[in-house]
Amino acid sequence: MKKLLTLIAAVTLLTSCGTPKASSKEEVKEYDRSTLSVITPTGAPALAFYKYANQTNFETNANPAEGIIPQMVTGKKDVVVLPTNAGIQAIVNKKAEYQIAATITFGNFYLLSMNNDENKTLDANDTILLFQKGNVPDKVFHYVYGNDYDTNVHYVSAVSDAAAAVNAGQFVDAESGKNIVPNYVLLAQPVLQTVLTKNADKGYAVYADMQAKYKEKSDNKALFQASVFVKNSVNKDTAKAFLESLKADINNAISNPDVINDSLKDVTEVQTVYGIAPSMATAVTKNNNGMGLGFEYAKDNKAAIENFLKLFNIEGLNEEVYF
């Protein structure tokens, strides 16, 4: 009996020595950001990739229509970031072999009051200046406010033109050629922050947060503006690791915006690459996440995505579109 007990004790000792104890804190291997090629528009979507600045497989472009969509259609990049509507249209209409995986920006549009409206309330008598006619800013404005104000709605090409109109206090109407003074101007961050700082003594102020207005109109569905599209041929496990890493990066930037500036401050030609100075990106993010950064998986938010796509008359998506 004593020999048997001794044998059991020996076996137990060997077993305990041979089996490593489980770590109380699992080691998570960090995703290698050089694994997949990525292209994104400059501005808010590019900021989500603040840790990719020195990666040779990372590229930005200021003109998505000419610089990104053609590469998506020909399948040149593993990961493409585009306005949600533009990416879906490339898949549906141009047979781009990608799936929508996640959305990373949720709107950065704000309606600015020029402090020259007597009743301080947006109405049909006010002159309103929008930018990018027929595109996301225009669609969002009309989704929120309808067509009641169209008689006095005017357009400029880009947000920089809208900012110039605010700074000058007037703009030249493209159709009539007349100088017009606006009452309300649609802007996007970070341009809004620059305009407010430059005109601090004029009483200009945000009249409406278009993201909040959009949610009110859409039964609390967020504005799913720019999304990540993954090429069909990319290994699924690799894609998932990339997405989880990107999610962590974005959440970290929202909770600690200084990481944006810290990561980008020494990057060569950073404002050209990202479309915004790191210090400004950090300041705007600190201001209630003004850049609209975030991360939501597409498959978990189909209703919100499809609500946004209705603005562009895109409906009846096939399930295969989702990653």
C-alpha atoms as a PDB file:
ATOM      1  CA  MET A   1       0.000   0.000   0.000  1.00  0.00           C
ATOM      2  CA  LYS A   2       2.868   2.359   0.922  1.00  0.00           C
ATOM      3  CA  LYS A   3       4.536   1.600  -2.457  1.00  0.00           C
ATOM      4  CA  LEU A   4       1.262   2.379  -4.277  1.00  0.00           C
ATOM      5  CA  LEU A   5       0.884   5.741  -2.516  1.00  0.00           C
ATOM      6  CA  THR A   6       4.491   6.592  -3.303  1.00  0.00           C
ATOM      7  CA  LEU A   7       3.935   5.768  -6.984  1.00  0.00           C
ATOM      8  CA  ILE A   8       0.790   7.958  -7.154  1.00  0.00           C
ATOM      9  CA  ALA A   9       2.634  10.847  -5.543  1.00  0.00           C
ATOM     10  CA  ALA A  10       5.453  10.534  -8.056  1.00  0.00           C
ATOM     11  CA  VAL A  11       3.086  10.517 -11.010  1.00  0.00           C
ATOM     12  CA  THR A  12       1.258  13.549  -9.618  1.00  0.00           C
ATOM     13  CA  LEU A  13       4.545  15.400  -9.188  1.00  0.00           C
ATOM     14  CA  LEU A  14       5.635  14.607 -12.757  1.00  0.00           C
ATOM     15  CA  THR A  15       2.278  15.697 -14.147  1.00  0.00           C
ATOM     16  CA  SER A  16       2.297  19.009 -12.295  1.00  0.00           C
ATOM     17  CA  CYS A  17       5.867  19.696 -13.429  1.00  0.00           C
ATOM     18  CA  GLY A  18       5.124  18.798 -17.033  1.00  0.00           C
ATOM     19  CA  THR A  19       2.004  20.972 -17.383  1.00  0.00           C
ATOM     20  CA  PRO A  20       2.638  24.726 -17.546  1.00  0.00           C
ATOM     21  CA  LYS A  21       0.337  26.866 -15.466  1.00  0.00           C
ATOM     22  CA  ALA A  22      -2.194  28.939 -17.380  1.00  0.00           C
ATOM     23  CA  SER A  23      -1.200  32.570 -17.472  1.00  0.00           C
ATOM     24  CA  SER A  24      -3.525  34.907 -15.652  1.00  0.00           C
ATOM     25  CA  LYS A  25      -3.075  37.333 -18.526  1.00  0.00           C
ATOM     26  CA  GLU A  26      -3.072  35.870 -22.025  1.00  0.00           C
ATOM     27  CA  GLU A  27      -0.451  37.223 -24.366  1.00  0.00           C
ATOM     28  CA  VAL A  28      -2.049  38.665 -27.499  1.00  0.00           C
ATOM     29  CA  LYS A  29       0.172  38.835 -30.541  1.00  0.00           C
ATOM     30  CA  GLU A  30      -0.097  42.260 -32.157  1.00  0.00           C
ATOM     31  CA  TYR A  31      -1.302  42.347 -35.758  1.00  0.00           C
ATOM     32  CA  ASP A  32       1.506  42.990 -38.238  1.00  0.00           C
ATOM     33  CA  ARG A  33       0.359  46.148 -40.059  1.00  0.00           C
ATOM     34  CA  SER A  34       2.550  45.314 -43.048  1.00  0.00           C
ATOM     35  CA  THR A  35       0.442  42.265 -43.877  1.00  0.00           C
ATOM     36  CA  LEU A  36      -2.290  43.831 -46.033  1.00  0.00           C
ATOM     37  CA  SER A  37      -2.189  46.685 -48.530  1.00  0.00           C
ATOM     38  CA  VAL A  38      -4.511  49.557 -47.610  1.00  0.00           C
ATOM     39  CA  ILE A  39      -5.767  52.661 -49.413  1.00  0.00           C
ATOM     40  CA  THR A  40      -7.981  55.317 -47.835  1.00  0.00           C
ATOM     41  CA  PRO A  41      -9.185  58.846 -48.575  1.00  0.00           C
ATOM     42  CA  THR A  42      -7.395  61.640 -46.750  1.00  0.00           C
ATOM     43  CA  GLY A  43      -9.175  63.301 -43.842  1.00  0.00           C
ATOM     44  CA  ALA A  44     -11.143  61.532 -41.143  1.00  0.00           C
ATOM     45  CA  PRO A  45     -10.875  57.997 -42.614  1.00  0.00           C
ATOM     46  CA  ALA A  46      -7.093  58.309 -42.909  1.00  0.00           C
ATOM     47  CA  LEU A  47      -6.814  59.277 -39.248  1.00  0.00           C
ATOM     48  CA  ALA A  48      -8.079  55.827 -38.285  1.00  0.00           C
ATOM     49  CA  PHE A  49      -4.765  54.554 -39.691  1.00  0.00           C
ATOM     50  CA  TYR A  50      -2.500  56.791 -37.625  1.00  0.00           C
ATOM     51  CA  LYS A  51      -0.318  53.764 -36.816  1.00  0.00           C
ATOM     52  CA  TYR A  52       0.231  53.013 -40.507  1.00  0.00           C
ATOM     53  CA  ALA A  53       2.153  56.174 -41.416  1.00  0.00           C
ATOM     54  CA  ASN A  54       5.472  54.419 -42.019  1.00  0.00           C
ATOM     55  CA  GLN A  55       4.054  51.327 -43.703  1.00  0.00           C
ATOM     56  CA  THR A  56       4.987  51.004 -47.377  1.00  0.00           C
ATOM     57  CA  ASN A  57       1.713  49.174 -48.043  1.00  0.00           C
ATOM     58  CA  PHE A  58      -0.365  52.135 -46.807  1.00  0.00           C
ATOM     59  CA  GLU A  59      -1.597  54.766 -49.252  1.00  0.00           C
ATOM     60  CA  THR A  60      -3.954  57.735 -49.130  1.00  0.00           C
ATOM     61  CA  ASN A  61      -5.665  59.685 -51.872  1.00  0.00           C
ATOM     62  CA  ALA A  62      -7.458  63.023 -51.859  1.00  0.00           C
ATOM     63  CA  ASN A  63      -9.661  62.111 -54.831  1.00  0.00           C
ATOM     64  CA  PRO A  64     -11.441  58.791 -54.154  1.00  0.00           C
ATOM     65  CA  ALA A  65     -13.377  58.829 -57.433  1.00  0.00           C
ATOM     66  CA  GLU A  66     -10.214  58.878 -59.512  1.00  0.00           C
ATOM     67  CA  GLY A  67      -7.606  57.537 -57.126  1.00  0.00           C
ATOM     68  CA  ILE A  68      -9.323  54.792 -55.153  1.00  0.00           C
ATOM     69  CA  ILE A  69     -12.389  53.404 -56.930  1.00  0.00           C
ATOM     70  CA  PRO A  70     -10.412  52.337 -60.050  1.00  0.00           C
ATOM     71  CA  GLN A  71      -8.003  50.414 -57.811  1.00  0.00           C
ATOM     72  CA  MET A  72     -10.938  48.768 -56.080  1.00  0.00           C
ATOM     73  CA  VAL A  73     -12.509  47.740 -59.381  1.00  0.00           C
ATOM     74  CA  THR A  74      -9.251  46.183 -60.566  1.00  0.00           C
ATOM     75  CA  GLY A  75      -8.588  44.572 -57.173  1.00  0.00           C
ATOM     76  CA  LYS A  76      -5.206  46.168 -56.598  1.00  0.00           C
ATOM     77  CA  LYS A  77      -5.546  46.617 -52.837  1.00  0.00           C
ATOM     78  CA  ASP A  78      -6.380  44.151 -50.066  1.00  0.00           C
ATOM     79  CA  VAL A  79      -8.294  46.793 -48.119  1.00  0.00           C
ATOM     80  CA  VAL A  80     -10.107  49.812 -49.516  1.00  0.00           C
ATOM     81  CA  VAL A  81     -11.750  52.601 -47.526  1.00  0.00           C
ATOM     82  CA  LEU A  82     -14.446  54.636 -49.275  1.00  0.00           C
ATOM     83  CA  PRO A  83     -17.690  56.448 -48.590  1.00  0.00           C
ATOM     84  CA  THR A  84     -20.085  53.598 -47.866  1.00  0.00           C
ATOM     85  CA  ASN A  85     -22.255  54.388 -50.880  1.00  0.00           C
ATOM     86  CA  ALA A  86     -19.283  54.597 -53.264  1.00  0.00           C
ATOM     87  CA  GLY A  87     -17.850  51.260 -52.146  1.00  0.00           C
ATOM     88  CA  ILE A  88     -21.192  49.480 -52.383  1.00  0.00           C
ATOM     89  CA  GLN A  89     -21.832  50.965 -55.823  1.00  0.00           C
ATOM     90  CA  ALA A  90     -18.453  49.666 -56.995  1.00  0.00           C
ATOM     91  CA  ILE A  91     -19.396  46.179 -55.788  1.00  0.00           C
ATOM     92  CA  VAL A  92     -22.925  46.205 -57.198  1.00  0.00           C
ATOM     93  CA  ASN A  93     -22.418  48.116 -60.443  1.00  0.00           C
ATOM     94  CA  LYS A  94     -18.784  47.434 -61.319  1.00  0.00           C
ATOM     95  CA  LYS A  95     -18.432  43.912 -59.894  1.00  0.00           C
ATOM     96  CA  ALA A  96     -15.588  44.864 -57.571  1.00  0.00           C
ATOM     97  CA  GLU A  97     -14.664  41.700 -55.666  1.00  0.00           C
ATOM     98  CA  TYR A  98     -14.878  43.090 -52.143  1.00  0.00           C
ATOM     99  CA  GLN A  99     -17.146  42.920 -49.107  1.00  0.00           C
ATOM    100  CA  ILE A 100     -18.077  45.659 -46.668  1.00  0.00           C
ATOM    101  CA  ALA A 101     -16.509  44.754 -43.333  1.00  0.00           C
ATOM    102  CA  ALA A 102     -16.837  47.752 -41.024  1.00  0.00           C
ATOM    103  CA  THR A 103     -17.609  51.448 -40.829  1.00  0.00           C
ATOM    104  CA  ILE A 104     -14.996  53.760 -39.304  1.00  0.00           C
ATOM    105  CA  THR A 105     -16.424  57.293 -39.648  1.00  0.00           C
ATOM    106  CA  PHE A 106     -19.906  58.376 -38.698  1.00  0.00           C
ATOM    107  CA  GLY A 107     -20.184  61.899 -40.001  1.00  0.00           C
ATOM    108  CA  ASN A 108     -18.386  65.167 -39.334  1.00  0.00           C
ATOM    109  CA  PHE A 109     -20.902  67.648 -40.791  1.00  0.00           C
ATOM    110  CA  TYR A 110     -22.124  70.768 -39.000  1.00  0.00           C
ATOM    111  CA  LEU A 111     -24.422  73.587 -40.096  1.00  0.00           C
ATOM    112  CA  LEU A 112     -22.832  76.903 -39.208  1.00  0.00           C
ATOM    113  CA  SER A 113     -24.845  80.010 -38.380  1.00  0.00           C
ATOM    114  CA  MET A 114     -23.331  83.231 -39.753  1.00  0.00           C
ATOM    115  CA  ASN A 115     -24.991  85.189 -36.953  1.00  0.00           C
ATOM    116  CA  ASN A 116     -26.978  87.301 -39.419  1.00  0.00           C
ATOM    117  CA  ASP A 117     -30.401  85.667 -39.259  1.00  0.00           C
ATOM    118  CA  GLU A 118     -32.867  87.945 -37.493  1.00  0.00           C
ATOM    119  CA  ASN A 119     -35.033  85.203 -36.015  1.00  0.00           C
ATOM    120  CA  LYS A 120     -32.071  82.863 -35.362  1.00  0.00           C
ATOM    121  CA  THR A 121     -34.054  79.982 -36.886  1.00  0.00           C
ATOM    122  CA  LEU A 122     -33.464  78.136 -40.145  1.00  0.00           C
ATOM    123  CA  ASP A 123     -36.415  78.694 -42.472  1.00  0.00           C
ATOM    124  CA  ALA A 124     -37.332  79.062 -46.153  1.00  0.00           C
ATOM    125  CA  ASN A 125     -36.278  82.730 -46.228  1.00  0.00           C
ATOM    126  CA  ASP A 126     -32.684  81.997 -45.257  1.00  0.00           C
ATOM    127  CA  THR A 127     -29.805  81.660 -47.690  1.00  0.00           C
ATOM    128  CA  ILE A 128     -28.114  78.282 -47.260  1.00  0.00           C
ATOM    129  CA  LEU A 129     -24.772  77.245 -48.731  1.00  0.00           C
ATOM    130  CA  LEU A 130     -23.979  73.543 -49.193  1.00  0.00           C
ATOM    131  CA  PHE A 131     -21.090  71.722 -50.861  1.00  0.00           C
ATOM    132  CA  GLN A 132     -20.741  68.645 -53.083  1.00  0.00           C
ATOM    133  CA  LYS A 133     -24.138  68.764 -54.772  1.00  0.00           C
ATOM    134  CA  GLY A 134     -25.646  65.292 -55.049  1.00  0.00           C
ATOM    135  CA  ASN A 135     -23.033  63.757 -52.786  1.00  0.00           C
ATOM    136  CA  VAL A 136     -22.980  62.805 -49.092  1.00  0.00           C
ATOM    137  CA  PRO A 137     -23.111  66.329 -47.546  1.00  0.00           C
ATOM    138  CA  ASP A 138     -26.000  67.361 -49.794  1.00  0.00           C
ATOM    139  CA  LYS A 139     -27.863  64.082 -49.258  1.00  0.00           C
ATOM    140  CA  VAL A 140     -27.502  64.299 -45.474  1.00  0.00           C
ATOM    141  CA  PHE A 141     -28.771  67.890 -45.393  1.00  0.00           C
ATOM    142  CA  HIS A 142     -31.838  67.027 -47.453  1.00  0.00           C
ATOM    143  CA  TYR A 143     -32.502  63.864 -45.468  1.00  0.00           C
ATOM    144  CA  VAL A 144     -32.627  65.968 -42.302  1.00  0.00           C
ATOM    145  CA  TYR A 145     -34.437  69.049 -43.595  1.00  0.00           C
ATOM    146  CA  GLY A 146     -36.271  67.846 -46.691  1.00  0.00           C
ATOM    147  CA  ASN A 147     -36.806  70.104 -49.700  1.00  0.00           C
ATOM    148  CA  ASP A 148     -38.598  72.989 -47.980  1.00  0.00           C
ATOM    149  CA  TYR A 149     -35.584  75.302 -48.204  1.00  0.00           C
ATOM    150  CA  ASP A 150     -34.473  74.522 -51.756  1.00  0.00           C
ATOM    151  CA  THR A 151     -35.461  77.913 -53.172  1.00  0.00           C
ATOM    152  CA  ASN A 152     -32.556  79.509 -51.304  1.00  0.00           C
ATOM    153  CA  VAL A 153     -30.085  76.613 -51.313  1.00  0.00           C
ATOM    154  CA  HIS A 154     -26.832  77.251 -53.188  1.00  0.00           C
ATOM    155  CA  TYR A 155     -23.799  75.072 -53.827  1.00  0.00           C
ATOM    156  CA  VAL A 156     -20.029  75.224 -54.024  1.00  0.00           C
ATOM    157  CA  SER A 157     -17.797  72.371 -55.096  1.00  0.00           C
ATOM    158  CA  ALA A 158     -15.820  71.572 -51.954  1.00  0.00           C
ATOM    159  CA  VAL A 159     -15.803  72.190 -48.221  1.00  0.00           C
ATOM    160  CA  SER A 160     -12.794  74.466 -48.753  1.00  0.00           C
ATOM    161  CA  ASP A 161     -14.990  76.676 -50.962  1.00  0.00           C
ATOM    162  CA  ALA A 162     -17.669  76.750 -48.270  1.00  0.00           C
ATOM    163  CA  ALA A 163     -15.032  77.763 -45.723  1.00  0.00           C
ATOM    164  CA  ALA A 164     -13.801  80.523 -48.040  1.00  0.00           C
ATOM    165  CA  ALA A 165     -17.373  81.851 -48.255  1.00  0.00           C
ATOM    166  CA  VAL A 166     -17.609  81.970 -44.452  1.00  0.00           C
ATOM    167  CA  ASN A 167     -14.258  83.744 -44.145  1.00  0.00           C
ATOM    168  CA  ALA A 168     -15.208  86.293 -46.812  1.00  0.00           C
ATOM    169  CA  GLY A 169     -18.775  86.686 -45.578  1.00  0.00           C
ATOM    170  CA  GLN A 170     -20.091  86.046 -49.075  1.00  0.00           C
ATOM    171  CA  PHE A 171     -19.737  83.828 -52.137  1.00  0.00           C
ATOM    172  CA  VAL A 172     -20.207  84.094 -55.883  1.00  0.00           C
ATOM    173  CA  ASP A 173     -23.243  82.118 -56.989  1.00  0.00           C
ATOM    174  CA  ALA A 174     -22.264  79.703 -59.763  1.00  0.00           C
ATOM    175  CA  GLU A 175     -25.522  80.167 -61.661  1.00  0.00           C
ATOM    176  CA  SER A 176     -26.183  83.909 -61.433  1.00  0.00           C
ATOM    177  CA  GLY A 177     -22.647  85.186 -60.923  1.00  0.00           C
ATOM    178  CA  LYS A 178     -23.898  87.423 -58.130  1.00  0.00           C
ATOM    179  CA  ASN A 179     -22.270  87.953 -54.760  1.00  0.00           C
ATOM    180  CA  ILE A 180     -24.514  86.424 -52.085  1.00  0.00           C
ATOM    181  CA  VAL A 181     -24.337  86.610 -48.308  1.00  0.00           C
ATOM    182  CA  PRO A 182     -25.261  83.282 -46.672  1.00  0.00           C
ATOM    183  CA  ASN A 183     -27.118  82.865 -43.399  1.00  0.00           C
ATOM    184  CA  TYR A 184     -26.146  79.228 -42.882  1.00  0.00           C
ATOM    185  CA  VAL A 185     -23.224  77.237 -44.295  1.00  0.00           C
ATOM    186  CA  LEU A 186     -22.630  73.497 -44.156  1.00  0.00           C
ATOM    187  CA  LEU A 187     -19.080  72.630 -43.107  1.00  0.00           C
ATOM    188  CA  ALA A 188     -17.158  69.527 -42.070  1.00  0.00           C
ATOM    189  CA  GLN A 189     -14.523  69.028 -39.407  1.00  0.00           C
ATOM    190  CA  PRO A 190     -11.682  69.884 -39.182  1.00  0.00           C
ATOM    191  CA  VAL A 191     -12.443  72.816 -41.510  1.00  0.00           C
ATOM    192  CA  LEU A 192     -15.143  73.959 -39.103  1.00  0.00           C
ATOM    193  CA  GLN A 193     -12.648  74.296 -36.254  1.00  0.00           C
ATOM    194  CA  THR A 194     -10.308  76.390 -38.416  1.00  0.00           C
ATOM    195  CA  VAL A 195     -13.147  78.671 -39.515  1.00  0.00           C
ATOM    196  CA  LEU A 196     -14.435  79.223 -35.991  1.00  0.00           C
ATOM    197  CA  THR A 197     -10.942  80.024 -34.731  1.00  0.00           C
ATOM    198  CA  LYS A 198     -10.269  82.458 -37.569  1.00  0.00           C
ATOM    199  CA  ASN A 199     -13.594  84.255 -37.064  1.00  0.00           C
ATOM    200  CA  ALA A 200     -13.789  84.101 -33.285  1.00  0.00           C
ATOM    201  CA  ASP A 201     -14.962  87.728 -33.006  1.00  0.00           C
ATOM    202  CA  LYS A 202     -17.890  87.428 -35.432  1.00  0.00           C
ATOM    203  CA  GLY A 203     -20.313  85.354 -33.414  1.00  0.00           C
ATOM    204  CA  TYR A 204     -20.356  82.408 -35.816  1.00  0.00           C
ATOM    205  CA  ALA A 205     -21.619  79.256 -34.127  1.00  0.00           C
ATOM    206  CA  VAL A 206     -22.736  75.708 -34.835  1.00  0.00           C
ATOM    207  CA  TYR A 207     -26.468  75.779 -35.501  1.00  0.00           C
ATOM    208  CA  ALA A 208     -26.922  72.026 -35.992  1.00  0.00           C
ATOM    209  CA  ASP A 209     -24.899  68.875 -35.440  1.00  0.00           C
ATOM    210  CA  MET A 210     -25.954  67.007 -38.577  1.00  0.00           C
ATOM    211  CA  GLN A 211     -25.053  63.630 -37.082  1.00  0.00           C
ATOM    212  CA  ALA A 212     -27.442  64.197 -34.179  1.00  0.00           C
ATOM    213  CA  LYS A 213     -30.142  65.465 -36.546  1.00  0.00           C
ATOM    214  CA  TYR A 214     -29.658  62.421 -38.759  1.00  0.00           C
ATOM    215  CA  LYS A 215     -30.110  60.073 -35.787  1.00  0.00           C
ATOM    216  CA  GLU A 216     -33.280  61.899 -34.747  1.00  0.00           C
ATOM    217  CA  LYS A 217     -34.726  61.434 -38.224  1.00  0.00           C
ATOM    218  CA  SER A 218     -33.622  57.815 -38.633  1.00  0.00           C
ATOM    219  CA  ASP A 219     -34.956  56.335 -35.384  1.00  0.00           C
ATOM    220  CA  ASN A 220     -31.537  56.490 -33.726  1.00  0.00           C
ATOM    221  CA  LYS A 221     -29.548  54.992 -36.601  1.00  0.00           C
ATOM    222  CA  ALA A 222     -26.095  56.487 -36.988  1.00  0.00           C
ATOM    223  CA  LEU A 223     -24.715  57.981 -40.189  1.00  0.00           C
ATOM    224  CA  PHE A 224     -22.493  55.205 -41.583  1.00  0.00           C
ATOM    225  CA  GLN A 225     -20.307  57.444 -43.716  1.00  0.00           C
ATOM    226  CA  ALA A 226     -16.964  55.800 -44.588  1.00  0.00           C
ATOM    227  CA  SER A 227     -16.429  52.058 -44.563  1.00  0.00           C
ATOM    228  CA  VAL A 228     -13.717  49.426 -44.859  1.00  0.00           C
ATOM    229  CA  PHE A 229     -13.999  46.996 -47.768  1.00  0.00           C
ATOM    230  CA  VAL A 230     -11.938  43.795 -47.786  1.00  0.00           C
ATOM    231  CA  LYS A 231     -10.995  41.959 -50.961  1.00  0.00           C
ATOM    232  CA  ASN A 232     -12.700  38.576 -51.286  1.00  0.00           C
ATOM    233  CA  SER A 233      -9.422  36.722 -51.788  1.00  0.00           C
ATOM    234  CA  VAL A 234      -7.912  37.902 -48.485  1.00  0.00           C
ATOM    235  CA  ASN A 235      -7.615  35.132 -45.910  1.00  0.00           C
ATOM    236  CA  LYS A 236     -10.546  35.477 -43.504  1.00  0.00           C
ATOM    237  CA  ASP A 237      -8.487  35.005 -40.362  1.00  0.00           C
ATOM    238  CA  THR A 238      -5.992  37.602 -41.551  1.00  0.00           C
ATOM    239  CA  ALA A 239      -8.823  40.006 -42.331  1.00  0.00           C
ATOM    240  CA  LYS A 240     -10.346  39.490 -38.900  1.00  0.00           C
ATOM    241  CA  ALA A 241      -7.002  40.149 -37.210  1.00  0.00           C
ATOM    242  CA  PHE A 242      -6.628  43.341 -39.245  1.00  0.00           C
ATOM    243  CA  LEU A 243     -10.127  44.523 -38.318  1.00  0.00           C
ATOM    244  CA  GLU A 244      -9.694  43.824 -34.621  1.00  0.00           C
ATOM    245  CA  SER A 245      -6.379  45.688 -34.663  1.00  0.00           C
ATOM    246  CA  LEU A 246      -7.962  48.651 -36.443  1.00  0.00           C
ATOM    247  CA  LYS A 247     -10.839  48.654 -33.970  1.00  0.00           C
ATOM    248  CA  ALA A 248      -8.381  48.817 -31.081  1.00  0.00           C
ATOM    249  CA  ASP A 249      -6.442  51.639 -32.749  1.00  0.00           C
ATOM    250  CA  ILE A 250      -9.583  53.707 -33.292  1.00  0.00           C
ATOM    251  CA  ASN A 251     -10.981  53.147 -29.813  1.00  0.00           C
ATOM    252  CA  ASN A 252      -7.611  54.110 -28.379  1.00  0.00           C
ATOM    253  CA  ALA A 253      -7.587  57.352 -30.393  1.00  0.00           C
ATOM    254  CA  ILE A 254     -11.086  58.270 -29.230  1.00  0.00           C
ATOM    255  CA  SER A 255     -10.283  57.670 -25.560  1.00  0.00           C
ATOM    256  CA  ASN A 256      -6.800  59.175 -25.796  1.00  0.00           C
ATOM    257  CA  PRO A 257      -6.620  61.573 -28.790  1.00  0.00           C
ATOM    258  CA  ASP A 258      -3.021  62.526 -28.015  1.00  0.00           C
ATOM    259  CA  VAL A 259      -1.901  59.239 -29.577  1.00  0.00           C
ATOM    260  CA  ILE A 260      -2.769  60.716 -32.990  1.00  0.00           C
ATOM    261  CA  ASN A 261      -0.370  63.609 -32.595  1.00  0.00           C
ATOM    262  CA  ASP A 262       2.252  61.452 -30.919  1.00  0.00           C
ATOM    263  CA  SER A 263       2.157  58.937 -33.773  1.00  0.00           C
ATOM    264  CA  LEU A 264       2.171  61.452 -36.636  1.00  0.00           C
ATOM    265  CA  LYS A 265       4.085  64.511 -35.457  1.00  0.00           C
ATOM    266  CA  ASP A 266       7.410  63.347 -36.958  1.00  0.00           C
ATOM    267  CA  VAL A 267       6.007  61.931 -40.214  1.00  0.00           C
ATOM    268  CA  THR A 268       7.348  63.581 -43.365  1.00  0.00           C
ATOM    269  CA  GLU A 269       4.709  65.564 -45.281  1.00  0.00           C
ATOM    270  CA  VAL A 270       2.099  64.351 -42.828  1.00  0.00           C
ATOM    271  CA  GLN A 271      -0.488  66.962 -43.808  1.00  0.00           C
ATOM    272  CA  THR A 272      -0.282  65.854 -47.441  1.00  0.00           C
ATOM    273  CA  VAL A 273      -0.557  62.174 -46.529  1.00  0.00           C
ATOM    274  CA  TYR A 274      -3.375  62.521 -43.994  1.00  0.00           C
ATOM    275  CA  GLY A 275      -5.005  65.713 -45.209  1.00  0.00           C
ATOM    276  CA  ILE A 276      -4.871  67.280 -41.749  1.00  0.00           C
ATOM    277  CA  ALA A 277      -2.221  68.445 -39.298  1.00  0.00           C
ATOM    278  CA  PRO A 278      -1.802  65.996 -36.391  1.00  0.00           C
ATOM    279  CA  SER A 279      -2.283  68.720 -33.784  1.00  0.00           C
ATOM    280  CA  MET A 280      -5.564  69.789 -35.372  1.00  0.00           C
ATOM    281  CA  ALA A 281      -6.745  66.175 -35.670  1.00  0.00           C
ATOM    282  CA  THR A 282      -6.030  65.694 -31.983  1.00  0.00           C
ATOM    283  CA  ALA A 283      -7.801  68.911 -30.979  1.00  0.00           C
ATOM    284  CA  VAL A 284     -10.921  68.118 -33.005  1.00  0.00           C
ATOM    285  CA  THR A 285     -11.054  64.554 -31.674  1.00  0.00           C
ATOM    286  CA  LYS A 286     -10.799  65.903 -28.138  1.00  0.00           C
ATOM    287  CA  ASN A 287     -13.801  68.113 -28.905  1.00  0.00           C
ATOM    288  CA  ASN A 288     -16.495  65.445 -28.541  1.00  0.00           C
ATOM    289  CA  ASN A 289     -14.911  63.242 -31.232  1.00  0.00           C
ATOM    290  CA  GLY A 290     -15.585  65.901 -33.855  1.00  0.00           C
ATOM    291  CA  MET A 291     -13.978  63.861 -36.642  1.00  0.00           C
ATOM    292  CA  GLY A 292     -16.671  61.218 -36.180  1.00  0.00           C
ATOM    293  CA  LEU A 293     -14.283  58.307 -35.717  1.00  0.00           C
ATOM    294  CA  GLY A 294     -15.588  54.944 -34.551  1.00  0.00           C
ATOM    295  CA  PHE A 295     -15.706  51.271 -35.424  1.00  0.00           C
ATOM    296  CA  GLU A 296     -18.746  49.136 -36.084  1.00  0.00           C
ATOM    297  CA  TYR A 297     -18.867  45.811 -37.891  1.00  0.00           C
ATOM    298  CA  ALA A 298     -21.064  46.000 -40.969  1.00  0.00           C
ATOM    299  CA  LYS A 299     -22.773  42.654 -40.436  1.00  0.00           C
ATOM    300  CA  ASP A 300     -24.021  43.858 -37.034  1.00  0.00           C
ATOM    301  CA  ASN A 301     -25.425  47.112 -38.427  1.00  0.00           C
ATOM    302  CA  LYS A 302     -27.165  46.211 -41.665  1.00  0.00           C
ATOM    303  CA  ALA A 303     -30.262  48.281 -40.905  1.00  0.00           C
ATOM    304  CA  ALA A 304     -28.243  51.447 -40.321  1.00  0.00           C
ATOM    305  CA  ILE A 305     -26.079  50.889 -43.392  1.00  0.00           C
ATOM    306  CA  GLU A 306     -29.054  50.240 -45.609  1.00  0.00           C
ATOM    307  CA  ASN A 307     -30.833  53.299 -44.226  1.00  0.00           C
ATOM    308  CA  PHE A 308     -27.844  55.415 -45.269  1.00  0.00           C
ATOM    309  CA  LEU A 309     -27.697  53.754 -48.688  1.00  0.00           C
ATOM    310  CA  LYS A 310     -31.330  54.665 -49.350  1.00  0.00           C
ATOM    311  CA  LEU A 311     -30.176  58.258 -49.689  1.00  0.00           C
ATOM    312  CA  PHE A 312     -28.507  57.103 -52.901  1.00  0.00           C
ATOM    313  CA  ASN A 313     -31.382  54.868 -54.030  1.00  0.00           C
ATOM    314  CA  ILE A 314     -29.401  51.735 -53.209  1.00  0.00           C
ATOM    315  CA  GLU A 315     -31.683  48.998 -51.893  1.00  0.00           C
ATOM    316  CA  GLY A 316     -32.043  45.218 -51.804  1.00  0.00           C
ATOM    317  CA  LEU A 317     -28.439  44.308 -51.082  1.00  0.00           C
ATOM    318  CA  ASN A 318     -27.390  40.690 -51.391  1.00  0.00           C
ATOM    319  CA  GLU A 319     -26.136  39.125 -48.141  1.00  0.00           C
ATOM    320  CA  GLU A 320     -22.884  38.264 -49.901  1.00  0.00           C
ATOM    321  CA  VAL A 321     -21.975  41.967 -49.871  1.00  0.00           C
ATOM    322  CA  TYR A 322     -21.272  41.719 -46.134  1.00  0.00           C
ATOM    323  CA  PHE A 323     -18.005  40.362 -44.741  1.00  0.00           C
END
